[in-house]
Amino acid sequence: MLPTQHKTTKVKGQEVFYREAGPGDAPVVLLLHGFPSSSHMFRDLIPALADRYHVIAPDHIGFGYSSMPKTGEFGYTFDNLTEVTAGLLDQLGIKRFSVYVHDYGAPIGWRLALDPSYEVTAIVSQSGNAYMEGFADPFWEPLFAYASAPSPDTEPGARAKFTPETTRWQYENGAVDRSLVSPDAWKHDQALLERPDNEEVQLALFRDYPSNIDGYPQVQEYFRTSQVPLLAVWGEGDEIFAPDGARAFSRDLPDAEVDLLPAGHFALETHLDEITGYMRGFLGRVAA
């Protein structure tokens, strides 16, 4: 098993932490994490792919071990998170890659795919949404209420997403065997979520989230015109991004491979081997 390197570089004035493994001349696979996690969620997937691929997994600004400037010092929008990710790719000389998107990683990945500076050879979406069908109402209703009308009345519903109970639930929801979910994962995320000023960072991203939905028509048009190879490997029990979000890709990508697992939102915690197998088979066919 090839070792994973843990690196930090400065991009657009911010420290960006990323994990890297695999041969430098191999096809690149970019792993983009979601909320409230970091590249830590890929700690086991990276070495499982690194014998065949050059794997890069950054922490977004405000997450993991990357910089977390205050909201007055950095504009926490998905456009800006994408700009930093693009800056990292440019530093590393990466223009052509496959991308794995999860949760928040999806809108960042879609923006990169729409950027003519890059060539996305294949997409793996694991609870990475691009259609309205994917939103599970009980989780998203208070967030959309806050994003549409930030106020003292709607803010408590958004702040409820920062509690240890909710973070643990995000990892355990939909998991058939919760004993497979290591508490190290959600406790790691929670410790970083509880850093001073981080709630303001996350609230700013909640407020910007509708910009991702506004971009869905353009993303779907990209799917239709490019017919980019796509694998949706999704937790059937995900109560954040429901499996209808996985099925919806087939509307614009008739050849999309859609595989539902008896898992939840953080399916890598319980179904690493299955996801790795799907990815290696899929990328081996389409991303050479």
Protein backbone atom coordinates (compact mmCIF):
# COMPACT_ATOMS: atom_id res chain seq x y z
CA MET A 1 0.00 0.00 0.00
CA LEU A 2 1.43 3.36 -1.03
CA PRO A 3 1.80 5.99 1.72
CA THR A 4 -0.31 9.15 1.87
CA GLN A 5 1.57 12.45 2.08
CA HIS A 6 0.12 15.33 4.11
CA LYS A 7 1.03 18.69 2.63
CA THR A 8 0.28 22.39 3.05
CA THR A 9 0.75 25.12 0.48
CA LYS A 10 -0.32 28.76 0.14
CA VAL A 11 -3.00 29.51 -2.45
CA LYS A 12 -4.39 33.02 -2.95
CA GLY A 13 -3.04 34.02 0.46
CA GLN A 14 -4.57 31.04 2.28
CA GLU A 15 -2.94 27.91 3.68
CA VAL A 16 -4.40 24.87 1.93
CA PHE A 17 -3.89 21.44 3.44
CA TYR A 18 -4.17 18.43 1.15
CA ARG A 19 -3.51 14.71 1.10
CA GLU A 20 -1.65 13.22 -1.85
CA ALA A 21 -0.72 9.70 -2.87
CA GLY A 22 0.08 7.66 -5.93
CA PRO A 23 2.44 7.94 -8.91
CA GLY A 24 2.92 11.46 -10.20
CA ASP A 25 2.43 10.37 -13.80
CA ALA A 26 -0.78 8.42 -13.15
CA PRO A 27 -4.29 9.72 -13.99
CA VAL A 28 -5.41 12.22 -11.37
CA VAL A 29 -8.41 11.65 -9.12
CA LEU A 30 -9.52 14.74 -7.17
CA LEU A 31 -11.53 14.04 -4.00
CA LEU A 32 -13.76 16.88 -2.76
CA HIS A 33 -15.29 16.59 0.70
CA GLY A 34 -18.55 17.91 2.13
CA PHE A 35 -19.95 19.45 5.31
CA PRO A 36 -18.92 19.22 8.11
CA SER A 37 -16.00 17.02 7.14
CA SER A 38 -12.61 17.40 5.48
CA SER A 39 -10.15 15.29 3.51
CA HIS A 40 -10.10 13.12 6.63
CA MET A 41 -13.23 11.41 5.24
CA PHE A 42 -11.03 10.00 2.45
CA ARG A 43 -8.27 8.70 4.74
CA ASP A 44 -8.96 5.07 3.78
CA LEU A 45 -10.07 5.62 0.17
CA ILE A 46 -6.84 7.39 -0.81
CA PRO A 47 -4.50 4.41 -0.29
CA ALA A 48 -7.11 2.10 -1.84
CA LEU A 49 -6.79 4.03 -5.13
CA ALA A 50 -3.15 5.14 -5.02
CA ASP A 51 -1.64 2.07 -6.68
CA ARG A 52 -3.27 3.11 -9.95
CA TYR A 53 -4.08 6.83 -9.59
CA HIS A 54 -2.51 10.09 -8.47
CA VAL A 55 -4.95 11.05 -5.72
CA ILE A 56 -5.38 14.62 -4.40
CA ALA A 57 -7.74 15.48 -1.53
CA PRO A 58 -7.74 19.10 -0.28
CA ASP A 59 -9.45 20.63 2.74
CA HIS A 60 -11.69 23.53 1.72
CA ILE A 61 -11.02 26.90 3.31
CA GLY A 62 -12.74 26.94 6.70
CA PHE A 63 -12.53 23.15 7.01
CA GLY A 64 -10.03 20.60 8.25
CA TYR A 65 -6.45 21.84 8.48
CA SER A 66 -6.72 24.58 5.85
CA SER A 67 -6.92 28.24 6.82
CA MET A 68 -10.05 29.46 8.56
CA PRO A 69 -9.98 33.26 8.18
CA LYS A 70 -12.82 35.20 9.79
CA THR A 71 -15.80 36.11 7.65
CA GLY A 72 -14.60 39.71 7.41
CA GLU A 73 -11.28 38.53 5.96
CA PHE A 74 -12.54 36.04 3.35
CA GLY A 75 -15.73 35.81 1.36
CA TYR A 76 -17.19 32.42 2.22
CA THR A 77 -18.96 31.61 -1.02
CA PHE A 78 -18.82 28.47 -3.14
CA ASP A 79 -17.33 30.54 -5.95
CA ASN A 80 -14.42 31.50 -3.70
CA LEU A 81 -13.92 27.97 -2.37
CA THR A 82 -13.73 26.84 -6.00
CA GLU A 83 -11.19 29.54 -6.85
CA VAL A 84 -8.89 28.28 -4.11
CA THR A 85 -9.28 24.68 -5.28
CA ALA A 86 -8.53 25.77 -8.84
CA GLY A 87 -5.47 27.65 -7.57
CA LEU A 88 -4.21 24.46 -5.92
CA LEU A 89 -4.71 22.48 -9.15
CA ASP A 90 -2.84 25.18 -11.10
CA GLN A 91 0.05 25.07 -8.62
CA LEU A 92 0.26 21.32 -9.00
CA GLY A 93 0.08 21.55 -12.80
CA ILE A 94 -3.16 19.56 -12.96
CA LYS A 95 -5.52 20.33 -15.83
CA ARG A 96 -7.06 16.92 -16.52
CA PHE A 97 -8.65 14.79 -13.81
CA SER A 98 -11.52 12.67 -12.61
CA VAL A 99 -13.43 14.04 -9.64
CA TYR A 100 -15.20 12.43 -6.67
CA VAL A 101 -17.74 14.79 -5.10
CA HIS A 102 -19.52 14.48 -1.78
CA ASP A 103 -22.03 16.98 -0.37
CA TYR A 104 -20.39 20.46 -0.51
CA GLY A 105 -17.78 18.99 -2.82
CA ALA A 106 -20.42 18.72 -5.56
CA PRO A 107 -20.99 22.44 -6.22
CA ILE A 108 -17.22 22.95 -6.19
CA GLY A 109 -16.74 20.05 -8.57
CA TRP A 110 -19.50 21.30 -10.90
CA ARG A 111 -17.86 24.72 -11.09
CA LEU A 112 -14.53 23.14 -12.00
CA ALA A 113 -16.21 20.99 -14.65
CA LEU A 114 -17.78 24.08 -16.21
CA ASP A 115 -14.42 25.88 -16.29
CA PRO A 116 -12.83 25.46 -19.74
CA SER A 117 -9.41 25.59 -18.10
CA TYR A 118 -9.90 21.99 -16.95
CA GLU A 119 -10.85 18.68 -18.49
CA VAL A 120 -12.95 16.48 -16.23
CA THR A 121 -12.66 12.97 -17.60
CA ALA A 122 -15.14 11.29 -15.24
CA ILE A 123 -17.31 12.05 -12.20
CA VAL A 124 -18.03 9.92 -9.15
CA SER A 125 -20.87 11.37 -7.09
CA GLN A 126 -21.48 10.03 -3.61
CA SER A 127 -24.31 12.11 -2.15
CA GLY A 128 -23.22 14.96 -4.39
CA ASN A 129 -26.38 16.59 -5.66
CA ALA A 130 -27.19 18.28 -8.97
CA TYR A 131 -31.01 18.02 -8.97
CA MET A 132 -33.80 19.22 -6.70
CA GLU A 133 -35.00 15.63 -6.21
CA GLY A 134 -32.05 14.93 -3.94
CA PHE A 135 -32.91 17.26 -1.08
CA ALA A 136 -34.37 15.49 1.96
CA ASP A 137 -36.84 18.03 3.36
CA PRO A 138 -36.48 17.44 7.14
CA PHE A 139 -32.75 18.22 7.00
CA TRP A 140 -32.86 21.04 4.46
CA GLU A 141 -36.05 22.89 5.40
CA PRO A 142 -34.49 24.96 8.23
CA LEU A 143 -31.41 25.68 6.11
CA PHE A 144 -33.43 26.95 3.17
CA ALA A 145 -35.56 29.02 5.56
CA TYR A 146 -32.42 30.64 6.95
CA ALA A 147 -30.78 31.13 3.53
CA SER A 148 -33.88 32.81 2.10
CA ALA A 149 -34.48 35.07 5.13
CA PRO A 150 -31.60 35.22 7.64
CA SER A 151 -33.00 36.51 10.92
CA PRO A 152 -33.09 35.77 14.66
CA ASP A 153 -36.12 33.60 13.92
CA THR A 154 -34.47 31.38 11.29
CA GLU A 155 -30.88 31.34 12.56
CA PRO A 156 -31.43 28.82 15.42
CA GLY A 157 -32.54 26.20 12.90
CA ALA A 158 -29.28 26.66 11.01
CA ARG A 159 -27.13 26.67 14.15
CA ALA A 160 -28.71 23.37 15.17
CA LYS A 161 -26.55 21.76 12.47
CA PHE A 162 -23.43 22.48 14.53
CA THR A 163 -24.22 20.39 17.60
CA PRO A 164 -22.36 17.15 18.44
CA GLU A 165 -25.66 15.28 18.24
CA THR A 166 -26.28 16.46 14.67
CA THR A 167 -22.73 15.76 13.54
CA ARG A 168 -22.96 12.23 14.92
CA TRP A 169 -26.36 11.81 13.26
CA GLN A 170 -24.92 12.88 9.90
CA TYR A 171 -22.47 9.99 10.11
CA GLU A 172 -24.91 7.42 11.44
CA ASN A 173 -28.14 8.18 9.56
CA GLY A 174 -28.97 5.45 7.09
CA ALA A 175 -26.22 3.13 8.30
CA VAL A 176 -27.60 -0.39 8.71
CA ASP A 177 -24.82 -1.29 11.16
CA ARG A 178 -23.86 1.80 13.15
CA SER A 179 -21.08 -0.09 14.90
CA LEU A 180 -19.10 0.25 11.66
CA VAL A 181 -19.07 4.06 12.00
CA SER A 182 -15.98 5.00 13.97
CA PRO A 183 -16.63 7.78 16.51
CA ASP A 184 -13.19 9.09 15.57
CA ALA A 185 -14.70 10.44 12.34
CA TRP A 186 -17.53 12.56 13.69
CA LYS A 187 -15.58 13.63 16.80
CA HIS A 188 -12.77 14.83 14.52
CA ASP A 189 -15.25 16.92 12.53
CA GLN A 190 -16.95 18.24 15.65
CA ALA A 191 -13.68 19.40 17.21
CA LEU A 192 -12.91 21.46 14.11
CA LEU A 193 -16.50 22.70 13.86
CA GLU A 194 -16.26 24.05 17.42
CA ARG A 195 -13.27 26.30 16.71
CA PRO A 196 -13.88 29.97 17.63
CA ASP A 197 -15.67 31.86 14.83
CA ASN A 198 -16.32 28.71 12.77
CA GLU A 199 -20.09 28.90 13.22
CA GLU A 200 -20.05 32.27 11.45
CA VAL A 201 -18.05 30.71 8.63
CA GLN A 202 -20.57 27.91 8.22
CA LEU A 203 -23.55 30.27 8.43
CA ALA A 204 -22.07 32.31 5.59
CA LEU A 205 -21.86 29.18 3.43
CA PHE A 206 -25.45 28.26 4.34
CA ARG A 207 -26.54 31.70 3.12
CA ASP A 208 -24.67 31.18 -0.16
CA TYR A 209 -25.99 27.67 -0.78
CA PRO A 210 -28.89 28.79 -3.05
CA SER A 211 -26.27 29.95 -5.57
CA ASN A 212 -25.52 26.27 -6.17
CA ILE A 213 -29.14 25.51 -6.97
CA ASP A 214 -29.28 28.50 -9.29
CA GLY A 215 -26.49 26.85 -11.24
CA TYR A 216 -28.21 23.47 -11.63
CA PRO A 217 -29.65 24.23 -15.11
CA GLN A 218 -26.15 25.02 -16.40
CA VAL A 219 -24.73 21.89 -14.77
CA GLN A 220 -27.48 19.74 -16.28
CA GLU A 221 -26.85 21.28 -19.70
CA TYR A 222 -23.17 20.41 -19.25
CA PHE A 223 -24.18 16.81 -18.58
CA ARG A 224 -26.35 16.69 -21.68
CA THR A 225 -23.79 18.21 -24.03
CA SER A 226 -20.66 16.53 -22.68
CA GLN A 227 -22.07 13.11 -21.75
CA VAL A 228 -19.28 12.96 -19.19
CA PRO A 229 -18.99 9.44 -17.70
CA LEU A 230 -20.63 9.45 -14.28
CA LEU A 231 -20.92 6.95 -11.45
CA ALA A 232 -23.43 7.72 -8.70
CA VAL A 233 -22.68 5.47 -5.75
CA TRP A 234 -25.05 6.54 -3.01
CA GLY A 235 -26.34 5.52 0.39
CA GLU A 236 -29.90 4.32 -0.10
CA GLY A 237 -30.71 5.44 3.45
CA ASP A 238 -29.16 8.91 3.15
CA GLU A 239 -31.49 11.34 4.95
CA ILE A 240 -29.61 14.44 3.75
CA PHE A 241 -29.29 13.82 0.01
CA ALA A 242 -31.92 11.21 -0.77
CA PRO A 243 -31.29 8.50 -3.42
CA ASP A 244 -33.63 10.21 -5.90
CA GLY A 245 -30.73 12.62 -6.36
CA ALA A 246 -28.63 9.71 -7.64
CA ARG A 247 -31.35 8.43 -9.95
CA ALA A 248 -31.84 11.91 -11.44
CA PHE A 249 -28.45 11.86 -13.18
CA SER A 250 -29.84 9.33 -15.67
CA ARG A 251 -32.22 11.97 -16.98
CA ASP A 252 -29.36 13.86 -18.64
CA LEU A 253 -26.75 11.09 -18.69
CA PRO A 254 -28.49 7.94 -19.96
CA ASP A 255 -25.28 5.93 -19.56
CA ALA A 256 -24.73 6.99 -15.94
CA GLU A 257 -24.01 4.12 -13.59
CA VAL A 258 -26.22 4.37 -10.50
CA ASP A 259 -25.51 2.05 -7.59
CA LEU A 260 -27.38 2.31 -4.29
CA LEU A 261 -25.80 0.86 -1.16
CA PRO A 262 -27.40 -0.09 2.19
CA ALA A 263 -25.66 2.93 3.71
CA GLY A 264 -26.16 6.54 4.72
CA HIS A 265 -24.66 9.96 4.05
CA PHE A 266 -21.09 9.00 4.96
CA ALA A 267 -21.13 5.71 3.10
CA LEU A 268 -17.33 5.44 3.06
CA GLU A 269 -17.43 4.77 6.80
CA THR A 270 -19.40 1.55 6.33
CA HIS A 271 -18.93 0.54 2.68
CA LEU A 272 -15.36 1.45 1.77
CA ASP A 273 -14.63 -1.80 -0.05
CA GLU A 274 -17.82 -1.63 -2.13
CA ILE A 275 -17.25 1.99 -3.15
CA THR A 276 -13.60 1.32 -3.93
CA GLY A 277 -14.61 -1.62 -6.12
CA TYR A 278 -17.19 0.42 -8.01
CA MET A 279 -14.70 3.25 -8.51
CA ARG A 280 -11.83 1.09 -9.70
CA GLY A 281 -14.05 -0.70 -12.19
CA PHE A 282 -15.66 2.53 -13.43
CA LEU A 283 -12.46 4.58 -13.69
CA GLY A 284 -10.66 1.67 -15.28
CA ARG A 285 -13.24 1.67 -18.06
CA VAL A 286 -13.66 5.37 -18.69
CA ALA A 287 -10.74 7.43 -17.34
CA ALA A 288 -7.72 5.92 -19.04
